[in-house]
C-alpha atoms as a PDB file:
ATOM      1  CA  MET A   1     -31.074  -5.163  16.871  1.00  0.00           C
ATOM      2  CA  LEU A   2     -31.852  -8.273  14.356  1.00  0.00           C
ATOM      3  CA  ARG A   3     -28.771  -7.740  12.538  1.00  0.00           C
ATOM      4  CA  THR A   4     -26.663  -8.019  15.907  1.00  0.00           C
ATOM      5  CA  LEU A   5     -27.724 -11.244  16.950  1.00  0.00           C
ATOM      6  CA  LEU A   6     -27.968 -12.645  13.297  1.00  0.00           C
ATOM      7  CA  VAL A   7     -24.298 -11.807  13.580  1.00  0.00           C
ATOM      8  CA  GLY A   8     -23.799 -13.279  17.088  1.00  0.00           C
ATOM      9  CA  ALA A   9     -25.406 -16.535  16.078  1.00  0.00           C
ATOM     10  CA  LEU A  10     -22.784 -16.615  13.363  1.00  0.00           C
ATOM     11  CA  LEU A  11     -20.150 -15.799  15.508  1.00  0.00           C
ATOM     12  CA  LEU A  12     -21.328 -19.049  17.722  1.00  0.00           C
ATOM     13  CA  LEU A  13     -21.606 -21.293  14.975  1.00  0.00           C
ATOM     14  CA  THR A  14     -18.111 -19.870  13.511  1.00  0.00           C
ATOM     15  CA  GLY A  15     -16.059 -19.015  15.963  1.00  0.00           C
ATOM     16  CA  ALA A  16     -14.638 -21.923  17.379  1.00  0.00           C
ATOM     17  CA  ALA A  17     -14.005 -24.003  14.246  1.00  0.00           C
ATOM     18  CA  TRP A  18     -12.496 -20.865  12.711  1.00  0.00           C
ATOM     19  CA  ALA A  19      -8.665 -21.073  13.325  1.00  0.00           C
ATOM     20  CA  GLU A  20      -7.121 -17.940  11.328  1.00  0.00           C
ATOM     21  CA  GLU A  21      -4.434 -19.254   8.588  1.00  0.00           C
ATOM     22  CA  ILE A  22      -1.952 -17.091   8.196  1.00  0.00           C
ATOM     23  CA  PRO A  23       0.931 -17.601   5.784  1.00  0.00           C
ATOM     24  CA  SER A  24       4.823 -17.003   6.903  1.00  0.00           C
ATOM     25  CA  ALA A  25       6.811 -14.265   5.809  1.00  0.00           C
ATOM     26  CA  SER A  26       9.138 -15.477   3.860  1.00  0.00           C
ATOM     27  CA  GLU A  27       5.913 -17.374   1.506  1.00  0.00           C
ATOM     28  CA  LEU A  28       4.309 -14.348   1.037  1.00  0.00           C
ATOM     29  CA  ARG A  29       7.443 -12.801   0.427  1.00  0.00           C
ATOM     30  CA  SER A  30       8.177 -15.551  -2.470  1.00  0.00           C
ATOM     31  CA  ALA A  31       5.102 -15.371  -3.678  1.00  0.00           C
ATOM     32  CA  ALA A  32       4.754 -11.615  -4.187  1.00  0.00           C
ATOM     33  CA  MET A  33       7.504 -12.514  -6.502  1.00  0.00           C
ATOM     34  CA  GLY A  34       6.010 -14.842  -8.877  1.00  0.00           C
ATOM     35  CA  ALA A  35       5.212 -11.921 -11.642  1.00  0.00           C
ATOM     36  CA  PRO A  36       7.437  -8.696 -12.832  1.00  0.00           C
ATOM     37  CA  ASP A  37       6.677  -5.419 -10.963  1.00  0.00           C
ATOM     38  CA  LEU A  38       4.692  -2.965 -12.538  1.00  0.00           C
ATOM     39  CA  VAL A  39       6.093   0.109 -14.634  1.00  0.00           C
ATOM     40  CA  PHE A  40       3.617   2.969 -13.353  1.00  0.00           C
ATOM     41  CA  PRO A  41       3.433   5.968 -15.386  1.00  0.00           C
ATOM     42  CA  THR A  42       5.377   9.352 -14.646  1.00  0.00           C
ATOM     43  CA  GLU A  43       3.334  11.911 -16.467  1.00  0.00           C
ATOM     44  CA  THR A  44      -0.146  12.869 -15.587  1.00  0.00           C
ATOM     45  CA  SER A  45      -3.408  12.052 -17.896  1.00  0.00           C
ATOM     46  CA  ALA A  46      -6.357  14.157 -18.459  1.00  0.00           C
ATOM     47  CA  LEU A  47      -9.946  12.699 -17.677  1.00  0.00           C
ATOM     48  CA  ASP A  48     -12.164  14.785 -19.669  1.00  0.00           C
ATOM     49  CA  GLY A  49     -13.395  12.672 -22.760  1.00  0.00           C
ATOM     50  CA  ALA A  50     -11.628   9.557 -21.847  1.00  0.00           C
ATOM     51  CA  THR A  51     -13.475   6.531 -22.491  1.00  0.00           C
ATOM     52  CA  ALA A  52     -11.049   3.455 -22.523  1.00  0.00           C
ATOM     53  CA  PRO A  53      -9.623   3.229 -19.023  1.00  0.00           C
ATOM     54  CA  ARG A  54      -5.680   1.984 -18.649  1.00  0.00           C
ATOM     55  CA  MET A  55      -3.374   2.387 -15.960  1.00  0.00           C
ATOM     56  CA  ALA A  56      -2.841   5.893 -15.565  1.00  0.00           C
ATOM     57  CA  LEU A  57      -1.838   9.137 -13.279  1.00  0.00           C
ATOM     58  CA  PHE A  58      -4.123  11.815 -12.556  1.00  0.00           C
ATOM     59  CA  LYS A  59      -4.398  15.310 -10.654  1.00  0.00           C
ATOM     60  CA  PRO A  60      -6.116  18.064  -9.690  1.00  0.00           C
ATOM     61  CA  GLU A  61      -5.335  21.550 -10.976  1.00  0.00           C
ATOM     62  CA  GLY A  62      -2.921  23.094  -8.441  1.00  0.00           C
ATOM     63  CA  GLY A  63       0.652  22.050  -7.005  1.00  0.00           C
ATOM     64  CA  GLY A  64      -0.484  20.621  -3.991  1.00  0.00           C
ATOM     65  CA  PRO A  65       0.845  18.542  -2.265  1.00  0.00           C
ATOM     66  CA  PHE A  66      -2.717  16.633  -2.365  1.00  0.00           C
ATOM     67  CA  PRO A  67      -3.299  13.942  -0.530  1.00  0.00           C
ATOM     68  CA  ALA A  68      -3.324  10.758  -3.069  1.00  0.00           C
ATOM     69  CA  LEU A  69      -5.311   7.654  -3.618  1.00  0.00           C
ATOM     70  CA  VAL A  70      -4.450   4.173  -5.227  1.00  0.00           C
ATOM     71  CA  LEU A  71      -7.014   2.920  -6.946  1.00  0.00           C
ATOM     72  CA  PHE A  72      -6.973  -1.106  -7.572  1.00  0.00           C
ATOM     73  CA  HIS A  73      -9.894  -2.705  -9.888  1.00  0.00           C
ATOM     74  CA  GLN A  74     -11.960  -6.117  -9.779  1.00  0.00           C
ATOM     75  CA  CYS A  75     -10.800  -9.322 -11.355  1.00  0.00           C
ATOM     76  CA  GLY A  76     -11.521  -8.391 -14.861  1.00  0.00           C
ATOM     77  CA  GLY A  77      -8.928  -5.853 -14.765  1.00  0.00           C
ATOM     78  CA  LEU A  78      -9.582  -2.757 -16.708  1.00  0.00           C
ATOM     79  CA  GLY A  79     -11.196  -4.361 -19.756  1.00  0.00           C
ATOM     80  CA  GLN A  80     -13.446  -6.076 -17.515  1.00  0.00           C
ATOM     81  CA  HIS A  81     -15.456  -9.252 -19.264  1.00  0.00           C
ATOM     82  CA  GLY A  82     -14.650  -7.461 -22.558  1.00  0.00           C
ATOM     83  CA  ARG A  83     -16.278  -4.509 -22.012  1.00  0.00           C
ATOM     84  CA  ALA A  84     -14.259  -1.084 -21.041  1.00  0.00           C
ATOM     85  CA  ASN A  85     -14.431  -1.019 -17.346  1.00  0.00           C
ATOM     86  CA  LEU A  86     -16.171   2.226 -17.270  1.00  0.00           C
ATOM     87  CA  SER A  87     -16.747   2.325 -13.333  1.00  0.00           C
ATOM     88  CA  MET A  88     -13.328   2.695 -12.813  1.00  0.00           C
ATOM     89  CA  LEU A  89     -13.040   5.708 -14.420  1.00  0.00           C
ATOM     90  CA  ASP A  90     -15.546   7.084 -12.522  1.00  0.00           C
ATOM     91  CA  TRP A  91     -14.126   6.107  -9.500  1.00  0.00           C
ATOM     92  CA  ALA A  92     -11.003   8.352 -10.358  1.00  0.00           C
ATOM     93  CA  ARG A  93     -13.158  11.435 -11.919  1.00  0.00           C
ATOM     94  CA  ARG A  94     -14.751  11.601  -8.583  1.00  0.00           C
ATOM     95  CA  GLY A  95     -11.600  11.411  -6.817  1.00  0.00           C
ATOM     96  CA  VAL A  96      -9.797  14.159  -8.986  1.00  0.00           C
ATOM     97  CA  ASP A  97     -12.704  16.011  -8.312  1.00  0.00           C
ATOM     98  CA  LYS A  98     -12.769  15.381  -4.473  1.00  0.00           C
ATOM     99  CA  GLY A  99      -9.066  17.167  -4.153  1.00  0.00           C
ATOM    100  CA  TYR A 100      -6.719  13.535  -4.505  1.00  0.00           C
ATOM    101  CA  VAL A 101      -4.057  12.434  -6.968  1.00  0.00           C
ATOM    102  CA  VAL A 102      -5.395   9.147  -8.050  1.00  0.00           C
ATOM    103  CA  LEU A 103      -3.392   6.596  -9.229  1.00  0.00           C
ATOM    104  CA  LEU A 104      -5.669   3.887 -11.015  1.00  0.00           C
ATOM    105  CA  ILE A 105      -3.431   0.979 -11.696  1.00  0.00           C
ATOM    106  CA  ASP A 106      -3.819  -2.196 -13.758  1.00  0.00           C
ATOM    107  CA  ALA A 107      -2.177  -5.461 -12.640  1.00  0.00           C
ATOM    108  CA  LEU A 108      -3.653  -7.497 -15.456  1.00  0.00           C
ATOM    109  CA  ASP A 109      -2.053  -5.548 -18.848  1.00  0.00           C
ATOM    110  CA  GLN A 110       2.002  -5.495 -18.372  1.00  0.00           C
ATOM    111  CA  ARG A 111       1.745  -9.502 -17.111  1.00  0.00           C
ATOM    112  CA  ASP A 112      -0.430 -10.859 -20.432  1.00  0.00           C
ATOM    113  CA  VAL A 113      -3.399 -11.615 -18.097  1.00  0.00           C
ATOM    114  CA  ASP A 114      -7.066 -11.185 -19.264  1.00  0.00           C
ATOM    115  CA  THR A 115      -8.491 -12.066 -15.702  1.00  0.00           C
ATOM    116  CA  VAL A 116      -7.991 -13.338 -12.695  1.00  0.00           C
ATOM    117  CA  CYS A 117     -11.551 -14.114 -11.958  1.00  0.00           C
ATOM    118  CA  MET A 118     -11.149 -17.670 -11.935  1.00  0.00           C
ATOM    119  CA  GLY A 119      -7.956 -18.166 -10.302  1.00  0.00           C
ATOM    120  CA  PRO A 120      -4.161 -17.191 -10.847  1.00  0.00           C
ATOM    121  CA  LYS A 121      -2.313 -16.011 -14.056  1.00  0.00           C
ATOM    122  CA  ASN A 122       1.327 -15.632 -14.424  1.00  0.00           C
ATOM    123  CA  GLY A 123       2.474 -15.481 -11.254  1.00  0.00           C
ATOM    124  CA  LEU A 124      -0.599 -12.751 -10.123  1.00  0.00           C
ATOM    125  CA  VAL A 125      -1.648 -14.166  -6.734  1.00  0.00           C
ATOM    126  CA  PHE A 126      -3.059 -12.061  -3.920  1.00  0.00           C
ATOM    127  CA  ALA A 127       0.399 -11.628  -2.425  1.00  0.00           C
ATOM    128  CA  ARG A 128       1.726  -9.978  -5.915  1.00  0.00           C
ATOM    129  CA  GLY A 129      -1.646  -7.418  -5.982  1.00  0.00           C
ATOM    130  CA  VAL A 130      -0.952  -6.370  -2.431  1.00  0.00           C
ATOM    131  CA  ARG A 131       2.891  -5.673  -3.129  1.00  0.00           C
ATOM    132  CA  ASP A 132       1.617  -3.704  -6.346  1.00  0.00           C
ATOM    133  CA  ALA A 133      -0.904  -2.142  -3.891  1.00  0.00           C
ATOM    134  CA  PHE A 134       2.299  -1.242  -1.798  1.00  0.00           C
ATOM    135  CA  GLN A 135       4.551  -0.175  -4.902  1.00  0.00           C
ATOM    136  CA  ALA A 136       2.025   2.208  -5.962  1.00  0.00           C
ATOM    137  CA  ALA A 137       2.043   3.862  -2.802  1.00  0.00           C
ATOM    138  CA  ARG A 138       5.466   4.353  -2.742  1.00  0.00           C
ATOM    139  CA  HIS A 139       5.767   6.231  -6.326  1.00  0.00           C
ATOM    140  CA  LEU A 140       2.574   8.261  -5.201  1.00  0.00           C
ATOM    141  CA  ARG A 141       5.157   9.442  -1.970  1.00  0.00           C
ATOM    142  CA  GLY A 142       7.889   9.838  -5.232  1.00  0.00           C
ATOM    143  CA  LEU A 143       5.936  12.780  -6.820  1.00  0.00           C
ATOM    144  CA  PRO A 144       6.558  16.052  -5.855  1.00  0.00           C
ATOM    145  CA  TYR A 145       2.941  17.325  -5.928  1.00  0.00           C
ATOM    146  CA  VAL A 146       2.077  14.113  -3.641  1.00  0.00           C
ATOM    147  CA  ASP A 147       1.772  14.433   0.299  1.00  0.00           C
ATOM    148  CA  GLY A 148       3.570  11.351   0.851  1.00  0.00           C
ATOM    149  CA  ARG A 149       2.011  10.838   4.703  1.00  0.00           C
ATOM    150  CA  ARG A 150      -1.441  11.105   3.163  1.00  0.00           C
ATOM    151  CA  VAL A 151      -1.684   8.142   1.403  1.00  0.00           C
ATOM    152  CA  GLY A 152      -4.898   5.773   0.550  1.00  0.00           C
ATOM    153  CA  LEU A 153      -6.096   2.435  -1.665  1.00  0.00           C
ATOM    154  CA  ALA A 154      -9.615   1.818  -2.195  1.00  0.00           C
ATOM    155  CA  GLY A 155     -10.247  -1.520  -4.134  1.00  0.00           C
ATOM    156  CA  TRP A 156     -13.377  -3.384  -5.755  1.00  0.00           C
ATOM    157  CA  SER A 157     -13.944  -6.920  -5.333  1.00  0.00           C
ATOM    158  CA  TRP A 158     -10.337  -8.442  -6.122  1.00  0.00           C
ATOM    159  CA  GLY A 159      -9.118  -4.817  -5.617  1.00  0.00           C
ATOM    160  CA  ALA A 160     -11.188  -4.964  -2.418  1.00  0.00           C
ATOM    161  CA  MET A 161      -9.359  -8.028  -0.783  1.00  0.00           C
ATOM    162  CA  VAL A 162      -6.170  -7.144  -2.123  1.00  0.00           C
ATOM    163  CA  GLY A 163      -7.380  -3.963   0.602  1.00  0.00           C
ATOM    164  CA  LEU A 164      -8.628  -6.490   3.195  1.00  0.00           C
ATOM    165  CA  LEU A 165      -5.020  -8.146   3.156  1.00  0.00           C
ATOM    166  CA  ALA A 166      -3.018  -4.327   2.929  1.00  0.00           C
ATOM    167  CA  SER A 167      -4.763  -3.743   6.133  1.00  0.00           C
ATOM    168  CA  ARG A 168      -3.432  -6.798   8.035  1.00  0.00           C
ATOM    169  CA  ALA A 169       0.321  -6.619   9.830  1.00  0.00           C
ATOM    170  CA  ALA A 170       1.055  -9.828   8.840  1.00  0.00           C
ATOM    171  CA  TRP A 171       0.431  -8.852   5.354  1.00  0.00           C
ATOM    172  CA  ALA A 172       2.118  -5.652   5.595  1.00  0.00           C
ATOM    173  CA  GLU A 173       5.013  -6.165   7.742  1.00  0.00           C
ATOM    174  CA  PRO A 174       6.309  -8.852   4.671  1.00  0.00           C
ATOM    175  CA  LEU A 175       4.849  -6.786   1.626  1.00  0.00           C
ATOM    176  CA  ALA A 176       5.343  -3.244   2.304  1.00  0.00           C
ATOM    177  CA  GLU A 177       7.631  -0.523   0.798  1.00  0.00           C
ATOM    178  CA  GLY A 178       8.273   1.855   3.397  1.00  0.00           C
ATOM    179  CA  GLU A 179       4.969   3.406   4.885  1.00  0.00           C
ATOM    180  CA  GLY A 180       1.735   1.721   3.981  1.00  0.00           C
ATOM    181  CA  PHE A 181      -1.427   3.398   3.789  1.00  0.00           C
ATOM    182  CA  ARG A 182      -3.040   5.365   6.359  1.00  0.00           C
ATOM    183  CA  ALA A 183      -6.472   4.170   4.916  1.00  0.00           C
ATOM    184  CA  VAL A 184      -8.684   1.870   3.255  1.00  0.00           C
ATOM    185  CA  VAL A 185     -11.752   1.242   1.492  1.00  0.00           C
ATOM    186  CA  SER A 186     -12.703  -2.262   0.386  1.00  0.00           C
ATOM    187  CA  MET A 187     -15.928  -2.337  -1.507  1.00  0.00           C
ATOM    188  CA  TYR A 188     -17.716  -5.803  -2.002  1.00  0.00           C
ATOM    189  CA  PRO A 189     -14.828  -7.803  -0.902  1.00  0.00           C
ATOM    190  CA  GLY A 190     -14.839 -12.053  -0.659  1.00  0.00           C
ATOM    191  CA  CYS A 191     -13.894 -12.723   3.344  1.00  0.00           C
ATOM    192  CA  PHE A 192     -12.743 -16.562   2.120  1.00  0.00           C
ATOM    193  CA  THR A 193     -10.438 -18.956   2.984  1.00  0.00           C
ATOM    194  CA  ILE A 194      -8.179 -19.417  -0.198  1.00  0.00           C
ATOM    195  CA  ARG A 195      -6.358 -22.845  -0.446  1.00  0.00           C
ATOM    196  CA  PRO A 196      -3.688 -22.428  -2.725  1.00  0.00           C
ATOM    197  CA  ARG A 197      -2.796 -26.017  -4.281  1.00  0.00           C
ATOM    198  CA  THR A 198       1.071 -25.682  -3.481  1.00  0.00           C
ATOM    199  CA  ALA A 199       0.872 -22.853  -0.613  1.00  0.00           C
ATOM    200  CA  SER A 200       0.065 -22.642   2.605  1.00  0.00           C
ATOM    201  CA  ALA A 201      -3.843 -21.263   3.014  1.00  0.00           C
ATOM    202  CA  PHE A 202      -5.155 -18.003   4.223  1.00  0.00           C
ATOM    203  CA  ASP A 203      -7.599 -15.799   4.698  1.00  0.00           C
ATOM    204  CA  ILE A 204      -8.876 -12.358   3.620  1.00  0.00           C
ATOM    205  CA  ALA A 205     -10.239 -10.970   6.442  1.00  0.00           C
ATOM    206  CA  GLY A 206      -7.938 -11.031  10.207  1.00  0.00           C
ATOM    207  CA  ALA A 207      -8.121  -9.813  13.063  1.00  0.00           C
ATOM    208  CA  ASP A 208      -4.966  -8.263  12.881  1.00  0.00           C
ATOM    209  CA  ALA A 209      -6.117  -5.255  10.432  1.00  0.00           C
ATOM    210  CA  THR A 210      -4.016  -2.527  11.731  1.00  0.00           C
ATOM    211  CA  THR A 211      -5.028   0.227   8.939  1.00  0.00           C
ATOM    212  CA  PRO A 212      -8.143   2.690   9.487  1.00  0.00           C
ATOM    213  CA  LEU A 213     -10.605   0.540   7.016  1.00  0.00           C
ATOM    214  CA  LEU A 214     -14.211   0.621   5.368  1.00  0.00           C
ATOM    215  CA  ALA A 215     -16.063  -2.036   4.239  1.00  0.00           C
ATOM    216  CA  LEU A 216     -18.861  -1.726   2.291  1.00  0.00           C
ATOM    217  CA  LEU A 217     -21.103  -5.148   1.341  1.00  0.00           C
ATOM    218  CA  GLY A 218     -23.710  -5.771  -0.805  1.00  0.00           C
ATOM    219  CA  GLY A 219     -27.183  -7.960   0.375  1.00  0.00           C
ATOM    220  CA  GLN A 220     -27.749  -9.392  -2.767  1.00  0.00           C
ATOM    221  CA  ASP A 221     -24.063 -10.676  -3.452  1.00  0.00           C
ATOM    222  CA  THR A 222     -23.713 -14.329  -4.390  1.00  0.00           C
ATOM    223  CA  GLU A 223     -20.482 -13.926  -5.496  1.00  0.00           C
ATOM    224  CA  THR A 224     -18.694 -12.839  -2.316  1.00  0.00           C
ATOM    225  CA  PRO A 225     -21.186 -12.848   0.328  1.00  0.00           C
ATOM    226  CA  ALA A 226     -21.752 -10.414   2.653  1.00  0.00           C
ATOM    227  CA  ALA A 227     -22.305 -13.103   5.119  1.00  0.00           C
ATOM    228  CA  ASP A 228     -19.098 -14.252   4.911  1.00  0.00           C
ATOM    229  CA  CYS A 229     -17.486 -11.769   6.195  1.00  0.00           C
ATOM    230  CA  LEU A 230     -20.113  -9.994   9.020  1.00  0.00           C
ATOM    231  CA  PRO A 231     -18.384 -12.214  11.785  1.00  0.00           C
ATOM    232  CA  ARG A 232     -15.180 -12.072  10.990  1.00  0.00           C
ATOM    233  CA  PHE A 233     -15.302  -8.293  10.828  1.00  0.00           C
ATOM    234  CA  GLU A 234     -16.960  -8.589  14.559  1.00  0.00           C
ATOM    235  CA  ALA A 235     -14.835 -10.727  15.895  1.00  0.00           C
ATOM    236  CA  ALA A 236     -11.739  -8.489  14.456  1.00  0.00           C
ATOM    237  CA  LYS A 237     -13.287  -5.209  15.648  1.00  0.00           C
ATOM    238  CA  ALA A 238     -13.911  -6.859  19.247  1.00  0.00           C
ATOM    239  CA  LYS A 239     -10.466  -7.271  19.471  1.00  0.00           C
ATOM    240  CA  GLY A 240      -9.745  -3.537  18.653  1.00  0.00           C
ATOM    241  CA  ALA A 241      -9.171  -3.290  14.529  1.00  0.00           C
ATOM    242  CA  PRO A 242      -9.845  -0.106  13.077  1.00  0.00           C
ATOM    243  CA  LEU A 243     -12.450  -1.105  10.918  1.00  0.00           C
ATOM    244  CA  ASP A 244     -16.335  -0.134   9.925  1.00  0.00           C
ATOM    245  CA  TRP A 245     -18.763  -1.773   7.155  1.00  0.00           C
ATOM    246  CA  HIS A 246     -21.675  -1.112   6.233  1.00  0.00           C
ATOM    247  CA  LEU A 247     -24.397  -3.243   3.890  1.00  0.00           C
ATOM    248  CA  TYR A 248     -26.989  -2.339   1.270  1.00  0.00           C
ATOM    249  CA  PRO A 249     -29.354  -5.228   1.551  1.00  0.00           C
ATOM    250  CA  ASP A 250     -30.287  -5.236  -1.624  1.00  0.00           C
ATOM    251  CA  ALA A 251     -26.953  -4.175  -3.740  1.00  0.00           C
ATOM    252  CA  THR A 252     -25.514  -7.100  -5.767  1.00  0.00           C
ATOM    253  CA  HIS A 253     -21.949  -7.434  -6.324  1.00  0.00           C
ATOM    254  CA  CYS A 254     -20.665  -5.031  -8.601  1.00  0.00           C
ATOM    255  CA  TRP A 255     -23.728  -2.711  -7.665  1.00  0.00           C
ATOM    256  CA  ASP A 256     -21.012   0.624  -9.548  1.00  0.00           C
ATOM    257  CA  CYS A 257     -20.654  -1.285 -12.628  1.00  0.00           C
ATOM    258  CA  ARG A 258     -22.603   0.826 -15.296  1.00  0.00           C
ATOM    259  CA  GLN A 259     -21.073  -1.324 -18.321  1.00  0.00           C
ATOM    260  CA  LEU A 260     -22.390  -4.454 -16.258  1.00  0.00           C
ATOM    261  CA  ASP A 261     -25.547  -3.952 -16.030  1.00  0.00           C
ATOM    262  CA  GLY A 262     -27.532  -7.393 -16.182  1.00  0.00           C
ATOM    263  CA  PHE A 263     -24.627  -9.305 -16.823  1.00  0.00           C
ATOM    264  CA  SER A 264     -24.661 -12.587 -15.927  1.00  0.00           C
ATOM    265  CA  LYS A 265     -21.607 -15.374 -15.288  1.00  0.00           C
ATOM    266  CA  VAL A 266     -20.450 -18.667 -13.885  1.00  0.00           C
ATOM    267  CA  ASP A 267     -18.128 -17.975 -11.079  1.00  0.00           C
ATOM    268  CA  VAL A 268     -15.333 -19.432  -9.508  1.00  0.00           C
ATOM    269  CA  ARG A 269     -17.141 -21.531  -7.528  1.00  0.00           C
ATOM    270  CA  GLY A 270     -19.898 -22.889 -10.295  1.00  0.00           C
ATOM    271  CA  SER A 271     -22.725 -20.573  -9.440  1.00  0.00           C
ATOM    272  CA  ARG A 272     -24.688 -18.500 -11.963  1.00  0.00           C
ATOM    273  CA  VAL A 273     -24.153 -14.919 -10.794  1.00  0.00           C
ATOM    274  CA  THR A 274     -25.460 -11.668 -12.190  1.00  0.00           C
ATOM    275  CA  TYR A 275     -24.937  -7.854 -11.513  1.00  0.00           C
ATOM    276  CA  HIS A 276     -27.646  -5.345 -11.365  1.00  0.00           C
ATOM    277  CA  TYR A 277     -26.231  -1.829 -11.328  1.00  0.00           C
ATOM    278  CA  ASP A 278     -27.637   0.626  -8.971  1.00  0.00           C
ATOM    279  CA  LYS A 279     -27.174   4.176  -8.885  1.00  0.00           C
ATOM    280  CA  ALA A 280     -28.191   5.261  -5.504  1.00  0.00           C
ATOM    281  CA  THR A 281     -26.268   2.575  -4.072  1.00  0.00           C
ATOM    282  CA  THR A 282     -23.668   3.552  -6.066  1.00  0.00           C
ATOM    283  CA  GLU A 283     -23.795   7.356  -5.885  1.00  0.00           C
ATOM    284  CA  ASP A 284     -24.588   6.653  -1.423  1.00  0.00           C
ATOM    285  CA  SER A 285     -21.269   4.391  -1.397  1.00  0.00           C
ATOM    286  CA  ALA A 286     -19.442   7.176  -2.958  1.00  0.00           C
ATOM    287  CA  GLU A 287     -20.449   9.477   0.066  1.00  0.00           C
ATOM    288  CA  ARG A 288     -19.350   6.852   2.138  1.00  0.00           C
ATOM    289  CA  MET A 289     -16.187   6.373   0.830  1.00  0.00           C
ATOM    290  CA  PHE A 290     -15.461  10.151   0.760  1.00  0.00           C
ATOM    291  CA  ARG A 291     -16.375  10.923   3.852  1.00  0.00           C
ATOM    292  CA  PHE A 292     -14.007   8.085   5.619  1.00  0.00           C
ATOM    293  CA  LEU A 293     -11.181   8.724   3.146  1.00  0.00           C
ATOM    294  CA  ASP A 294     -11.273  12.888   3.832  1.00  0.00           C
ATOM    295  CA  GLY A 295     -11.491  12.409   7.699  1.00  0.00           C
ATOM    296  CA  ALA A 296      -8.597   9.939   7.419  1.00  0.00           C
ATOM    297  CA  LEU A 297      -6.325  11.977   4.647  1.00  0.00           C
ATOM    298  CA  LYS A 298      -7.408  15.270   4.818  1.00  0.00           C
ATOM    299  CA  LYS A 299      -6.154  16.222   8.392  1.00  0.00           C
ATOM    300  CA  PRO A 300      -2.659  17.999   9.215  1.00  0.00           C
END
């Protein structure tokens, strides 16, 4: 009840002033061309003994056809803040164990980008990331052991914001290459209004979400605060958007990042943030994620 009252108050405070920013389709397509397309792997890799995450394709035993997942990393990529991003390997293992083909993508390495935590580099902007995600889905659909009707996207932080955008009609229509995603999971996304210097402003979260979406948020996340998302999610759901969310009151940003427990940095807004790995939250978020995905992707 208290949460409902707080969200209602936020809606009253922000609803009148919040005019949603949406770039034109031509502007999105142009922005998505600022960096070259990724070259995706065609051969599968083994997860057993893997310690250095890289862009790779993983599959369960057997011939399939299997449902499939695109996994999209945080702003630091697979070499997150100078450390191997073990959390993304953990998520890939969970996906394969649950019976999914997994394409773990790396949007940074092939473009000679070390991080986008402080803003775009070498043309890697959000529109390019959304196009990456849709191209990864198209790549999966071309594999003989993937059921092309059952492809989902899961993203974390920067990748989570890609997920929010990919779930929106205004972004999917100009950027999707063929069929989009059947479901999206977004972990600790930011729900900011982005104001590029030389392009139109845009909102990460919008009321035009058409793809079933699950967002998982941290109540102690000061880098991508849940308070920015909740009123926008409430407004979108009130308009019929197929989304749901769950708030972990005590979780910080990057709660699943076991390699970054205690890591501290200054974020893009100049605030000091500290990450705390939380095993219980990580396991609960995994359970919620796959319950949602199984419901969406394992149906006939």
